[in-house]
Amino acid sequence: MNTLDRHFHRAQQLIKAGALSRKPARQRAAAPMFYELTAGDGAMYDTPTYIRNRIQQFDFDNRSRVVAYTDRVRAMLRGAA
């Protein structure tokens, strides 16, 4: 068995054993600090109103451009047919 085969079969064994998907104990212990909000943290992640309005305006502008482009392509295809 060559080296690549050994590495391949070893990786398959680790995957089947779940060794590659398990997190180390110290990572499992620290993970809740990053995923759970503490009291008073929720407002820190709220998007300000002016940014939400700008995002909505950009989305509307982009959708309008796509619709206009689609209409131009349809008109061109009708003209070619």
C-alpha atoms as a PDB file:
ATOM      1  CA  MET A   1       0.000   0.000   0.000  1.00  0.00           C
ATOM      2  CA  ASN A   2       1.483   3.351  -0.969  1.00  0.00           C
ATOM      3  CA  THR A   3       1.539   6.486   1.162  1.00  0.00           C
ATOM      4  CA  LEU A   4      -1.481   8.119  -0.475  1.00  0.00           C
ATOM      5  CA  ASP A   5      -3.603   5.024   0.115  1.00  0.00           C
ATOM      6  CA  ARG A   6      -2.579   4.976   3.775  1.00  0.00           C
ATOM      7  CA  HIS A   7      -3.494   8.647   4.194  1.00  0.00           C
ATOM      8  CA  PHE A   8      -6.801   8.104   2.405  1.00  0.00           C
ATOM      9  CA  HIS A   9      -7.782   5.097   4.518  1.00  0.00           C
ATOM     10  CA  ARG A  10      -6.686   6.836   7.716  1.00  0.00           C
ATOM     11  CA  ALA A  11      -8.832   9.869   6.828  1.00  0.00           C
ATOM     12  CA  GLN A  12     -11.804   7.574   6.152  1.00  0.00           C
ATOM     13  CA  GLN A  13     -11.334   5.916   9.551  1.00  0.00           C
ATOM     14  CA  LEU A  14     -11.212   9.313  11.273  1.00  0.00           C
ATOM     15  CA  ILE A  15     -14.363  10.456   9.477  1.00  0.00           C
ATOM     16  CA  LYS A  16     -16.233   7.272  10.407  1.00  0.00           C
ATOM     17  CA  ALA A  17     -15.084   7.548  14.013  1.00  0.00           C
ATOM     18  CA  GLY A  18     -16.231  11.165  14.163  1.00  0.00           C
ATOM     19  CA  ALA A  19     -12.790  12.300  15.243  1.00  0.00           C
ATOM     20  CA  LEU A  20     -12.694  15.031  12.616  1.00  0.00           C
ATOM     21  CA  SER A  21     -16.102  16.420  13.532  1.00  0.00           C
ATOM     22  CA  ARG A  22     -15.611  16.578  17.303  1.00  0.00           C
ATOM     23  CA  LYS A  23     -14.539  19.866  18.826  1.00  0.00           C
ATOM     24  CA  PRO A  24     -11.824  19.933  21.490  1.00  0.00           C
ATOM     25  CA  ALA A  25     -13.082  20.341  25.062  1.00  0.00           C
ATOM     26  CA  ARG A  26     -11.695  23.868  25.429  1.00  0.00           C
ATOM     27  CA  GLN A  27     -13.445  24.932  22.207  1.00  0.00           C
ATOM     28  CA  ARG A  28     -16.760  23.445  23.399  1.00  0.00           C
ATOM     29  CA  ALA A  29     -16.369  25.297  26.701  1.00  0.00           C
ATOM     30  CA  ALA A  30     -15.706  28.670  25.038  1.00  0.00           C
ATOM     31  CA  ALA A  31     -18.306  28.412  22.242  1.00  0.00           C
ATOM     32  CA  PRO A  32     -21.317  29.611  24.303  1.00  0.00           C
ATOM     33  CA  MET A  33     -19.543  32.912  24.984  1.00  0.00           C
ATOM     34  CA  PHE A  34     -19.606  33.668  21.259  1.00  0.00           C
ATOM     35  CA  TYR A  35     -23.071  32.361  20.393  1.00  0.00           C
ATOM     36  CA  GLU A  36     -25.233  33.528  23.288  1.00  0.00           C
ATOM     37  CA  LEU A  37     -26.104  37.159  23.961  1.00  0.00           C
ATOM     38  CA  THR A  38     -25.746  38.378  27.489  1.00  0.00           C
ATOM     39  CA  ALA A  39     -28.106  40.900  29.081  1.00  0.00           C
ATOM     40  CA  GLY A  40     -27.948  44.242  27.263  1.00  0.00           C
ATOM     41  CA  ASP A  41     -25.952  42.980  24.247  1.00  0.00           C
ATOM     42  CA  GLY A  42     -28.947  42.696  21.920  1.00  0.00           C
ATOM     43  CA  ALA A  43     -29.160  46.424  21.169  1.00  0.00           C
ATOM     44  CA  MET A  44     -25.498  46.513  20.170  1.00  0.00           C
ATOM     45  CA  TYR A  45     -26.229  44.331  17.130  1.00  0.00           C
ATOM     46  CA  ASP A  46     -29.304  46.232  15.922  1.00  0.00           C
ATOM     47  CA  THR A  47     -28.833  47.886  12.557  1.00  0.00           C
ATOM     48  CA  PRO A  48     -29.459  51.635  12.712  1.00  0.00           C
ATOM     49  CA  THR A  49     -32.513  52.863  10.827  1.00  0.00           C
ATOM     50  CA  TYR A  50     -30.589  54.968   8.337  1.00  0.00           C
ATOM     51  CA  ILE A  51     -28.496  51.949   7.313  1.00  0.00           C
ATOM     52  CA  ARG A  52     -31.606  49.757   6.964  1.00  0.00           C
ATOM     53  CA  ASN A  53     -33.191  52.436   4.764  1.00  0.00           C
ATOM     54  CA  ARG A  54     -30.074  52.642   2.578  1.00  0.00           C
ATOM     55  CA  ILE A  55     -29.992  48.863   2.202  1.00  0.00           C
ATOM     56  CA  GLN A  56     -33.655  48.824   1.174  1.00  0.00           C
ATOM     57  CA  GLN A  57     -33.017  51.617  -1.343  1.00  0.00           C
ATOM     58  CA  PHE A  58     -30.027  49.748  -2.834  1.00  0.00           C
ATOM     59  CA  ASP A  59     -32.108  46.571  -3.068  1.00  0.00           C
ATOM     60  CA  PHE A  60     -34.913  48.446  -4.818  1.00  0.00           C
ATOM     61  CA  ASP A  61     -32.448  50.100  -7.223  1.00  0.00           C
ATOM     62  CA  ASN A  62     -30.836  46.756  -8.038  1.00  0.00           C
ATOM     63  CA  ARG A  63     -34.195  45.078  -8.627  1.00  0.00           C
ATOM     64  CA  SER A  64     -35.230  47.965 -10.870  1.00  0.00           C
ATOM     65  CA  ARG A  65     -32.034  47.603 -12.904  1.00  0.00           C
ATOM     66  CA  VAL A  66     -32.560  43.857 -13.298  1.00  0.00           C
ATOM     67  CA  VAL A  67     -36.160  44.347 -14.433  1.00  0.00           C
ATOM     68  CA  ALA A  68     -35.111  47.033 -16.940  1.00  0.00           C
ATOM     69  CA  TYR A  69     -32.327  44.799 -18.279  1.00  0.00           C
ATOM     70  CA  THR A  70     -34.731  41.846 -18.598  1.00  0.00           C
ATOM     71  CA  ASP A  71     -37.189  44.026 -20.518  1.00  0.00           C
ATOM     72  CA  ARG A  72     -34.430  45.149 -22.905  1.00  0.00           C
ATOM     73  CA  VAL A  73     -33.318  41.557 -23.516  1.00  0.00           C
ATOM     74  CA  ARG A  74     -36.901  40.435 -24.156  1.00  0.00           C
ATOM     75  CA  ALA A  75     -37.421  43.286 -26.608  1.00  0.00           C
ATOM     76  CA  MET A  76     -34.182  42.417 -28.393  1.00  0.00           C
ATOM     77  CA  LEU A  77     -35.155  38.744 -28.634  1.00  0.00           C
ATOM     78  CA  ARG A  78     -38.607  39.644 -29.970  1.00  0.00           C
ATOM     79  CA  GLY A  79     -36.965  41.883 -32.556  1.00  0.00           C
ATOM     80  CA  ALA A  80     -34.611  39.074 -33.618  1.00  0.00           C
ATOM     81  CA  ALA A  81     -37.402  36.522 -33.923  1.00  0.00           C
END
